[in-house]
Amino acid sequence: SVLSDRFEKALDLEINSVPDGYVVYQGKRDHVHYLNSVASVIFELCDGDHTLDDIGGILKAAYELDHVPAEDVKASLERLFEEGLIVPCPA
């Protein structure tokens, strides 16, 4: 589970923008990940500055949602973390 409140992108990634998201190549695992537009926004906000709450608030505003999608953000962060695309920021 996600222990950290802030994440940053892993270092060994080759990130390419495509019309509906990102294609991310992970060299050390020789693995390609496809991120849809929402996952790409969440990934982009993993810059060490934005917290889980910040990301939820940004998505709420960007997609004109009725509520902050906190559970979806958490699930997306957990998936990105499990895939090794983001790492927790040191406290």
PDB file of N, CA and C in Angstrom:
ATOM      1  N   SER A   1       0.839  -1.197   0.000  1.00  0.00           N
ATOM      2  CA  SER A   1       0.000   0.000   0.000  1.00  0.00           C
ATOM      3  C   SER A   1       0.875   1.248   0.000  1.00  0.00           C
ATOM      4  N   VAL A   2       0.281   2.349  -0.337  1.00  0.00           N
ATOM      5  CA  VAL A   2       1.015   3.609  -0.447  1.00  0.00           C
ATOM      6  C   VAL A   2       1.299   4.149   0.953  1.00  0.00           C
ATOM      7  N   LEU A   3       2.570   4.223   1.294  1.00  0.00           N
ATOM      8  CA  LEU A   3       2.957   4.690   2.621  1.00  0.00           C
ATOM      9  C   LEU A   3       3.265   6.179   2.608  1.00  0.00           C
ATOM     10  N   SER A   4       3.679   6.668   1.482  1.00  0.00           N
ATOM     11  CA  SER A   4       4.100   8.052   1.367  1.00  0.00           C
ATOM     12  C   SER A   4       2.947   8.931   0.907  1.00  0.00           C
ATOM     13  N   ASP A   5       3.058  10.206   1.148  1.00  0.00           N
ATOM     14  CA  ASP A   5       2.063  11.160   0.679  1.00  0.00           C
ATOM     15  C   ASP A   5       2.554  11.861  -0.589  1.00  0.00           C
ATOM     16  N   ARG A   6       3.851  11.759  -0.847  1.00  0.00           N
ATOM     17  CA  ARG A   6       4.447  12.417  -2.018  1.00  0.00           C
ATOM     18  C   ARG A   6       5.335  11.418  -2.753  1.00  0.00           C
ATOM     19  N   PHE A   7       5.257  11.493  -4.075  1.00  0.00           N
ATOM     20  CA  PHE A   7       6.053  10.600  -4.912  1.00  0.00           C
ATOM     21  C   PHE A   7       6.797  11.390  -5.966  1.00  0.00           C
ATOM     22  N   GLU A   8       7.816  10.758  -6.508  1.00  0.00           N
ATOM     23  CA  GLU A   8       8.501  11.329  -7.667  1.00  0.00           C
ATOM     24  C   GLU A   8       8.719  10.211  -8.674  1.00  0.00           C
ATOM     25  N   LYS A   9       8.942  10.610  -9.922  1.00  0.00           N
ATOM     26  CA  LYS A   9       9.134   9.628 -10.982  1.00  0.00           C
ATOM     27  C   LYS A   9      10.426   8.860 -10.751  1.00  0.00           C
ATOM     28  N   ALA A  10      10.422   7.580 -11.099  1.00  0.00           N
ATOM     29  CA  ALA A  10      11.649   6.788 -11.039  1.00  0.00           C
ATOM     30  C   ALA A  10      12.632   7.361 -12.061  1.00  0.00           C
ATOM     31  N   LEU A  11      13.906   7.086 -11.877  1.00  0.00           N
ATOM     32  CA  LEU A  11      14.941   7.729 -12.683  1.00  0.00           C
ATOM     33  C   LEU A  11      15.167   7.100 -14.050  1.00  0.00           C
ATOM     34  N   ASP A  12      14.906   5.810 -14.191  1.00  0.00           N
ATOM     35  CA  ASP A  12      15.329   5.107 -15.401  1.00  0.00           C
ATOM     36  C   ASP A  12      14.238   5.010 -16.463  1.00  0.00           C
ATOM     37  N   LEU A  13      13.428   6.062 -16.600  1.00  0.00           N
ATOM     38  CA  LEU A  13      12.284   5.988 -17.497  1.00  0.00           C
ATOM     39  C   LEU A  13      12.474   6.831 -18.748  1.00  0.00           C
ATOM     40  N   GLU A  14      11.973   6.308 -19.848  1.00  0.00           N
ATOM     41  CA  GLU A  14      11.907   7.058 -21.089  1.00  0.00           C
ATOM     42  C   GLU A  14      10.424   7.340 -21.325  1.00  0.00           C
ATOM     43  N   ILE A  15      10.038   8.601 -21.244  1.00  0.00           N
ATOM     44  CA  ILE A  15       8.625   8.982 -21.281  1.00  0.00           C
ATOM     45  C   ILE A  15       8.312   9.634 -22.626  1.00  0.00           C
ATOM     46  N   ASN A  16       7.341   9.063 -23.328  1.00  0.00           N
ATOM     47  CA  ASN A  16       6.922   9.611 -24.617  1.00  0.00           C
ATOM     48  C   ASN A  16       5.447   9.941 -24.572  1.00  0.00           C
ATOM     49  N   SER A  17       5.133  11.164 -24.978  1.00  0.00           N
ATOM     50  CA  SER A  17       3.750  11.596 -25.011  1.00  0.00           C
ATOM     51  C   SER A  17       3.092  11.071 -26.288  1.00  0.00           C
ATOM     52  N   VAL A  18       1.884  10.524 -26.147  1.00  0.00           N
ATOM     53  CA  VAL A  18       1.086  10.082 -27.290  1.00  0.00           C
ATOM     54  C   VAL A  18      -0.264  10.796 -27.181  1.00  0.00           C
ATOM     55  N   PRO A  19      -1.090  10.781 -28.240  1.00  0.00           N
ATOM     56  CA  PRO A  19      -2.320  11.586 -28.212  1.00  0.00           C
ATOM     57  C   PRO A  19      -3.218  11.375 -27.000  1.00  0.00           C
ATOM     58  N   ASP A  20      -3.287  10.160 -26.468  1.00  0.00           N
ATOM     59  CA  ASP A  20      -4.205   9.936 -25.347  1.00  0.00           C
ATOM     60  C   ASP A  20      -3.500   9.486 -24.077  1.00  0.00           C
ATOM     61  N   GLY A  21      -2.259   9.928 -23.885  1.00  0.00           N
ATOM     62  CA  GLY A  21      -1.557   9.591 -22.650  1.00  0.00           C
ATOM     63  C   GLY A  21      -0.058   9.543 -22.830  1.00  0.00           C
ATOM     64  N   TYR A  22       0.572   8.601 -22.145  1.00  0.00           N
ATOM     65  CA  TYR A  22       2.022   8.422 -22.210  1.00  0.00           C
ATOM     66  C   TYR A  22       2.341   6.959 -22.496  1.00  0.00           C
ATOM     67  N   VAL A  23       3.447   6.783 -23.195  1.00  0.00           N
ATOM     68  CA  VAL A  23       4.069   5.469 -23.279  1.00  0.00           C
ATOM     69  C   VAL A  23       5.378   5.611 -22.517  1.00  0.00           C
ATOM     70  N   VAL A  24       5.550   4.782 -21.496  1.00  0.00           N
ATOM     71  CA  VAL A  24       6.728   4.879 -20.630  1.00  0.00           C
ATOM     72  C   VAL A  24       7.543   3.595 -20.765  1.00  0.00           C
ATOM     73  N   TYR A  25       8.807   3.752 -21.163  1.00  0.00           N
ATOM     74  CA  TYR A  25       9.692   2.599 -21.281  1.00  0.00           C
ATOM     75  C   TYR A  25      10.583   2.545 -20.054  1.00  0.00           C
ATOM     76  N   GLN A  26      10.610   1.377 -19.450  1.00  0.00           N
ATOM     77  CA  GLN A  26      11.396   1.144 -18.232  1.00  0.00           C
ATOM     78  C   GLN A  26      12.583   0.275 -18.613  1.00  0.00           C
ATOM     79  N   GLY A  27      13.757   0.899 -18.730  1.00  0.00           N
ATOM     80  CA  GLY A  27      14.937   0.217 -19.214  1.00  0.00           C
ATOM     81  C   GLY A  27      15.377  -0.991 -18.415  1.00  0.00           C
ATOM     82  N   LYS A  28      15.446  -0.852 -17.086  1.00  0.00           N
ATOM     83  CA  LYS A  28      16.015  -1.944 -16.302  1.00  0.00           C
ATOM     84  C   LYS A  28      15.122  -3.181 -16.301  1.00  0.00           C
ATOM     85  N   ARG A  29      13.826  -2.994 -16.535  1.00  0.00           N
ATOM     86  CA  ARG A  29      12.919  -4.148 -16.620  1.00  0.00           C
ATOM     87  C   ARG A  29      12.599  -4.496 -18.068  1.00  0.00           C
ATOM     88  N   ASP A  30      13.093  -3.671 -19.018  1.00  0.00           N
ATOM     89  CA  ASP A  30      12.783  -3.832 -20.431  1.00  0.00           C
ATOM     90  C   ASP A  30      11.279  -3.990 -20.615  1.00  0.00           C
ATOM     91  N   HIS A  31      10.553  -3.024 -20.078  1.00  0.00           N
ATOM     92  CA  HIS A  31       9.101  -3.108 -20.032  1.00  0.00           C
ATOM     93  C   HIS A  31       8.492  -1.789 -20.502  1.00  0.00           C
ATOM     94  N   VAL A  32       7.411  -1.875 -21.266  1.00  0.00           N
ATOM     95  CA  VAL A  32       6.706  -0.685 -21.742  1.00  0.00           C
ATOM     96  C   VAL A  32       5.367  -0.579 -21.015  1.00  0.00           C
ATOM     97  N   HIS A  33       5.060   0.611 -20.530  1.00  0.00           N
ATOM     98  CA  HIS A  33       3.799   0.873 -19.837  1.00  0.00           C
ATOM     99  C   HIS A  33       3.006   1.880 -20.655  1.00  0.00           C
ATOM    100  N   TYR A  34       1.710   1.665 -20.741  1.00  0.00           N
ATOM    101  CA  TYR A  34       0.842   2.630 -21.391  1.00  0.00           C
ATOM    102  C   TYR A  34      -0.004   3.304 -20.322  1.00  0.00           C
ATOM    103  N   LEU A  35       0.048   4.628 -20.258  1.00  0.00           N
ATOM    104  CA  LEU A  35      -0.749   5.377 -19.283  1.00  0.00           C
ATOM    105  C   LEU A  35      -1.810   6.169 -20.035  1.00  0.00           C
ATOM    106  N   ASN A  36      -3.070   5.997 -19.648  1.00  0.00           N
ATOM    107  CA  ASN A  36      -4.123   6.786 -20.280  1.00  0.00           C
ATOM    108  C   ASN A  36      -4.020   8.238 -19.815  1.00  0.00           C
ATOM    109  N   SER A  37      -4.912   9.087 -20.308  1.00  0.00           N
ATOM    110  CA  SER A  37      -4.770  10.519 -20.023  1.00  0.00           C
ATOM    111  C   SER A  37      -4.828  10.833 -18.530  1.00  0.00           C
ATOM    112  N   VAL A  38      -5.722  10.176 -17.791  1.00  0.00           N
ATOM    113  CA  VAL A  38      -5.830  10.453 -16.350  1.00  0.00           C
ATOM    114  C   VAL A  38      -4.594   9.940 -15.618  1.00  0.00           C
ATOM    115  N   ALA A  39      -4.164   8.730 -15.948  1.00  0.00           N
ATOM    116  CA  ALA A  39      -2.959   8.182 -15.317  1.00  0.00           C
ATOM    117  C   ALA A  39      -1.743   9.051 -15.636  1.00  0.00           C
ATOM    118  N   SER A  40      -1.707   9.611 -16.836  1.00  0.00           N
ATOM    119  CA  SER A  40      -0.595  10.487 -17.227  1.00  0.00           C
ATOM    120  C   SER A  40      -0.559  11.752 -16.388  1.00  0.00           C
ATOM    121  N   VAL A  41      -1.735  12.313 -16.113  1.00  0.00           N
ATOM    122  CA  VAL A  41      -1.813  13.512 -15.266  1.00  0.00           C
ATOM    123  C   VAL A  41      -1.312  13.178 -13.860  1.00  0.00           C
ATOM    124  N   ILE A  42      -1.786  12.070 -13.313  1.00  0.00           N
ATOM    125  CA  ILE A  42      -1.351  11.654 -11.968  1.00  0.00           C
ATOM    126  C   ILE A  42       0.161  11.433 -11.950  1.00  0.00           C
ATOM    127  N   PHE A  43       0.669  10.739 -12.969  1.00  0.00           N
ATOM    128  CA  PHE A  43       2.103  10.473 -13.082  1.00  0.00           C
ATOM    129  C   PHE A  43       2.886  11.788 -13.149  1.00  0.00           C
ATOM    130  N   GLU A  44       2.411  12.721 -13.947  1.00  0.00           N
ATOM    131  CA  GLU A  44       3.076  14.008 -14.118  1.00  0.00           C
ATOM    132  C   GLU A  44       3.124  14.781 -12.797  1.00  0.00           C
ATOM    133  N   LEU A  45       2.086  14.626 -11.975  1.00  0.00           N
ATOM    134  CA  LEU A  45       2.031  15.332 -10.690  1.00  0.00           C
ATOM    135  C   LEU A  45       2.888  14.661  -9.617  1.00  0.00           C
ATOM    136  N   CYS A  46       3.483  13.528  -9.934  1.00  0.00           N
ATOM    137  CA  CYS A  46       4.426  12.880  -9.016  1.00  0.00           C
ATOM    138  C   CYS A  46       5.782  13.554  -9.208  1.00  0.00           C
ATOM    139  N   ASP A  47       5.888  14.754  -8.648  1.00  0.00           N
ATOM    140  CA  ASP A  47       7.084  15.576  -8.822  1.00  0.00           C
ATOM    141  C   ASP A  47       7.741  15.900  -7.492  1.00  0.00           C
ATOM    142  N   GLY A  48       7.269  15.245  -6.430  1.00  0.00           N
ATOM    143  CA  GLY A  48       7.829  15.497  -5.108  1.00  0.00           C
ATOM    144  C   GLY A  48       7.179  16.655  -4.383  1.00  0.00           C
ATOM    145  N   ASP A  49       6.416  17.476  -5.121  1.00  0.00           N
ATOM    146  CA  ASP A  49       5.784  18.653  -4.514  1.00  0.00           C
ATOM    147  C   ASP A  49       4.315  18.434  -4.186  1.00  0.00           C
ATOM    148  N   HIS A  50       3.635  17.629  -5.009  1.00  0.00           N
ATOM    149  CA  HIS A  50       2.194  17.438  -4.836  1.00  0.00           C
ATOM    150  C   HIS A  50       1.884  16.254  -3.922  1.00  0.00           C
ATOM    151  N   THR A  51       0.979  16.478  -2.970  1.00  0.00           N
ATOM    152  CA  THR A  51       0.541  15.404  -2.084  1.00  0.00           C
ATOM    153  C   THR A  51      -0.634  14.669  -2.732  1.00  0.00           C
ATOM    154  N   LEU A  52      -1.016  13.566  -2.113  1.00  0.00           N
ATOM    155  CA  LEU A  52      -2.184  12.811  -2.542  1.00  0.00           C
ATOM    156  C   LEU A  52      -3.409  13.731  -2.630  1.00  0.00           C
ATOM    157  N   ASP A  53      -3.604  14.557  -1.622  1.00  0.00           N
ATOM    158  CA  ASP A  53      -4.744  15.487  -1.600  1.00  0.00           C
ATOM    159  C   ASP A  53      -4.646  16.524  -2.716  1.00  0.00           C
ATOM    160  N   ASP A  54      -3.435  17.030  -2.961  1.00  0.00           N
ATOM    161  CA  ASP A  54      -3.234  17.993  -4.047  1.00  0.00           C
ATOM    162  C   ASP A  54      -3.658  17.389  -5.380  1.00  0.00           C
ATOM    163  N   ILE A  55      -3.196  16.164  -5.625  1.00  0.00           N
ATOM    164  CA  ILE A  55      -3.480  15.495  -6.898  1.00  0.00           C
ATOM    165  C   ILE A  55      -4.985  15.299  -7.057  1.00  0.00           C
ATOM    166  N   GLY A  56      -5.651  14.861  -5.985  1.00  0.00           N
ATOM    167  CA  GLY A  56      -7.096  14.694  -6.035  1.00  0.00           C
ATOM    168  C   GLY A  56      -7.817  15.993  -6.360  1.00  0.00           C
ATOM    169  N   GLY A  57      -7.386  17.075  -5.730  1.00  0.00           N
ATOM    170  CA  GLY A  57      -7.996  18.387  -5.967  1.00  0.00           C
ATOM    171  C   GLY A  57      -7.785  18.874  -7.386  1.00  0.00           C
ATOM    172  N   ILE A  58      -6.598  18.646  -7.920  1.00  0.00           N
ATOM    173  CA  ILE A  58      -6.288  19.046  -9.300  1.00  0.00           C
ATOM    174  C   ILE A  58      -7.159  18.261 -10.279  1.00  0.00           C
ATOM    175  N   LEU A  59      -7.307  16.957 -10.061  1.00  0.00           N
ATOM    176  CA  LEU A  59      -8.147  16.143 -10.944  1.00  0.00           C
ATOM    177  C   LEU A  59      -9.608  16.567 -10.853  1.00  0.00           C
ATOM    178  N   LYS A  60     -10.079  16.870  -9.644  1.00  0.00           N
ATOM    179  CA  LYS A  60     -11.463  17.310  -9.457  1.00  0.00           C
ATOM    180  C   LYS A  60     -11.725  18.555 -10.308  1.00  0.00           C
ATOM    181  N   ALA A  61     -10.800  19.511 -10.243  1.00  0.00           N
ATOM    182  CA  ALA A  61     -10.957  20.752 -11.007  1.00  0.00           C
ATOM    183  C   ALA A  61     -10.802  20.513 -12.509  1.00  0.00           C
ATOM    184  N   ALA A  62      -9.794  19.742 -12.886  1.00  0.00           N
ATOM    185  CA  ALA A  62      -9.502  19.534 -14.307  1.00  0.00           C
ATOM    186  C   ALA A  62     -10.634  18.809 -15.035  1.00  0.00           C
ATOM    187  N   TYR A  63     -11.241  17.844 -14.354  1.00  0.00           N
ATOM    188  CA  TYR A  63     -12.285  17.047 -14.991  1.00  0.00           C
ATOM    189  C   TYR A  63     -13.691  17.440 -14.530  1.00  0.00           C
ATOM    190  N   GLU A  64     -13.787  18.569 -13.783  1.00  0.00           N
ATOM    191  CA  GLU A  64     -15.061  19.101 -13.309  1.00  0.00           C
ATOM    192  C   GLU A  64     -15.909  18.035 -12.607  1.00  0.00           C
ATOM    193  N   LEU A  65     -15.270  17.355 -11.662  1.00  0.00           N
ATOM    194  CA  LEU A  65     -15.945  16.294 -10.914  1.00  0.00           C
ATOM    195  C   LEU A  65     -16.711  16.872  -9.727  1.00  0.00           C
ATOM    196  N   ASP A  66     -17.699  16.128  -9.249  1.00  0.00           N
ATOM    197  CA  ASP A  66     -18.481  16.560  -8.098  1.00  0.00           C
ATOM    198  C   ASP A  66     -17.723  16.394  -6.785  1.00  0.00           C
ATOM    199  N   HIS A  67     -16.776  15.473  -6.772  1.00  0.00           N
ATOM    200  CA  HIS A  67     -16.028  15.216  -5.536  1.00  0.00           C
ATOM    201  C   HIS A  67     -14.579  14.878  -5.896  1.00  0.00           C
ATOM    202  N   VAL A  68     -13.720  14.950  -4.915  1.00  0.00           N
ATOM    203  CA  VAL A  68     -12.317  14.589  -5.098  1.00  0.00           C
ATOM    204  C   VAL A  68     -12.235  13.063  -5.251  1.00  0.00           C
ATOM    205  N   PRO A  69     -11.609  12.574  -6.321  1.00  0.00           N
ATOM    206  CA  PRO A  69     -11.534  11.126  -6.553  1.00  0.00           C
ATOM    207  C   PRO A  69     -10.408  10.476  -5.759  1.00  0.00           C
ATOM    208  N   ALA A  70     -10.463  10.625  -4.438  1.00  0.00           N
ATOM    209  CA  ALA A  70      -9.356  10.202  -3.574  1.00  0.00           C
ATOM    210  C   ALA A  70      -9.022   8.719  -3.723  1.00  0.00           C
ATOM    211  N   GLU A  71     -10.036   7.867  -3.751  1.00  0.00           N
ATOM    212  CA  GLU A  71      -9.774   6.424  -3.852  1.00  0.00           C
ATOM    213  C   GLU A  71      -9.150   6.064  -5.198  1.00  0.00           C
ATOM    214  N   ASP A  72      -9.631   6.710  -6.259  1.00  0.00           N
ATOM    215  CA  ASP A  72      -9.076   6.450  -7.586  1.00  0.00           C
ATOM    216  C   ASP A  72      -7.621   6.916  -7.677  1.00  0.00           C
ATOM    217  N   VAL A  73      -7.349   8.067  -7.079  1.00  0.00           N
ATOM    218  CA  VAL A  73      -5.976   8.586  -7.078  1.00  0.00           C
ATOM    219  C   VAL A  73      -5.071   7.624  -6.309  1.00  0.00           C
ATOM    220  N   LYS A  74      -5.540   7.185  -5.150  1.00  0.00           N
ATOM    221  CA  LYS A  74      -4.753   6.263  -4.332  1.00  0.00           C
ATOM    222  C   LYS A  74      -4.484   4.966  -5.086  1.00  0.00           C
ATOM    223  N   ALA A  75      -5.511   4.438  -5.746  1.00  0.00           N
ATOM    224  CA  ALA A  75      -5.355   3.194  -6.516  1.00  0.00           C
ATOM    225  C   ALA A  75      -4.371   3.385  -7.663  1.00  0.00           C
ATOM    226  N   SER A  76      -4.448   4.527  -8.334  1.00  0.00           N
ATOM    227  CA  SER A  76      -3.525   4.810  -9.437  1.00  0.00           C
ATOM    228  C   SER A  76      -2.094   4.929  -8.938  1.00  0.00           C
ATOM    229  N   LEU A  77      -1.912   5.627  -7.811  1.00  0.00           N
ATOM    230  CA  LEU A  77      -0.569   5.765  -7.238  1.00  0.00           C
ATOM    231  C   LEU A  77      -0.017   4.400  -6.834  1.00  0.00           C
ATOM    232  N   GLU A  78      -0.864   3.563  -6.244  1.00  0.00           N
ATOM    233  CA  GLU A  78      -0.402   2.226  -5.851  1.00  0.00           C
ATOM    234  C   GLU A  78       0.037   1.426  -7.070  1.00  0.00           C
ATOM    235  N   ARG A  79      -0.722   1.535  -8.153  1.00  0.00           N
ATOM    236  CA  ARG A  79      -0.383   0.816  -9.381  1.00  0.00           C
ATOM    237  C   ARG A  79       0.940   1.329  -9.967  1.00  0.00           C
ATOM    238  N   LEU A  80       1.086   2.648 -10.041  1.00  0.00           N
ATOM    239  CA  LEU A  80       2.326   3.245 -10.557  1.00  0.00           C
ATOM    240  C   LEU A  80       3.519   2.836  -9.690  1.00  0.00           C
ATOM    241  N   PHE A  81       3.301   2.802  -8.365  1.00  0.00           N
ATOM    242  CA  PHE A  81       4.354   2.402  -7.432  1.00  0.00           C
ATOM    243  C   PHE A  81       4.716   0.931  -7.623  1.00  0.00           C
ATOM    244  N   GLU A  82       3.690   0.063  -7.700  1.00  0.00           N
ATOM    245  CA  GLU A  82       3.938  -1.373  -7.881  1.00  0.00           C
ATOM    246  C   GLU A  82       4.691  -1.655  -9.175  1.00  0.00           C
ATOM    247  N   GLU A  83       4.405  -0.852 -10.203  1.00  0.00           N
ATOM    248  CA  GLU A  83       5.070  -1.038 -11.500  1.00  0.00           C
ATOM    249  C   GLU A  83       6.472  -0.413 -11.510  1.00  0.00           C
ATOM    250  N   GLY A  84       6.830   0.279 -10.439  1.00  0.00           N
ATOM    251  CA  GLY A  84       8.170   0.869 -10.355  1.00  0.00           C
ATOM    252  C   GLY A  84       8.323   2.173 -11.126  1.00  0.00           C
ATOM    253  N   LEU A  85       7.207   2.829 -11.464  1.00  0.00           N
ATOM    254  CA  LEU A  85       7.281   4.071 -12.222  1.00  0.00           C
ATOM    255  C   LEU A  85       7.447   5.296 -11.328  1.00  0.00           C
ATOM    256  N   ILE A  86       7.022   5.169 -10.066  1.00  0.00           N
ATOM    257  CA  ILE A  86       7.200   6.248  -9.105  1.00  0.00           C
ATOM    258  C   ILE A  86       7.817   5.681  -7.829  1.00  0.00           C
ATOM    259  N   VAL A  87       8.484   6.542  -7.107  1.00  0.00           N
ATOM    260  CA  VAL A  87       9.100   6.152  -5.839  1.00  0.00           C
ATOM    261  C   VAL A  87       8.696   7.165  -4.764  1.00  0.00           C
ATOM    262  N   PRO A  88       8.567   6.711  -3.512  1.00  0.00           N
ATOM    263  CA  PRO A  88       8.208   7.655  -2.445  1.00  0.00           C
ATOM    264  C   PRO A  88       9.315   8.684  -2.252  1.00  0.00           C
ATOM    265  N   CYS A  89       8.908   9.892  -1.969  1.00  0.00           N
ATOM    266  CA  CYS A  89       9.883  10.935  -1.635  1.00  0.00           C
ATOM    267  C   CYS A  89      10.357  10.696  -0.211  1.00  0.00           C
ATOM    268  N   PRO A  90      11.628  10.925   0.034  1.00  0.00           N
ATOM    269  CA  PRO A  90      12.119  10.810   1.417  1.00  0.00           C
ATOM    270  C   PRO A  90      11.401  11.827   2.300  1.00  0.00           C
ATOM    271  N   ALA A  91      11.081  11.408   3.507  1.00  0.00           N
ATOM    272  CA  ALA A  91      10.357  12.302   4.429  1.00  0.00           C
ATOM    273  C   ALA A  91      11.209  13.503   4.796  1.00  0.00           C
TER     274      ALA A  91
END
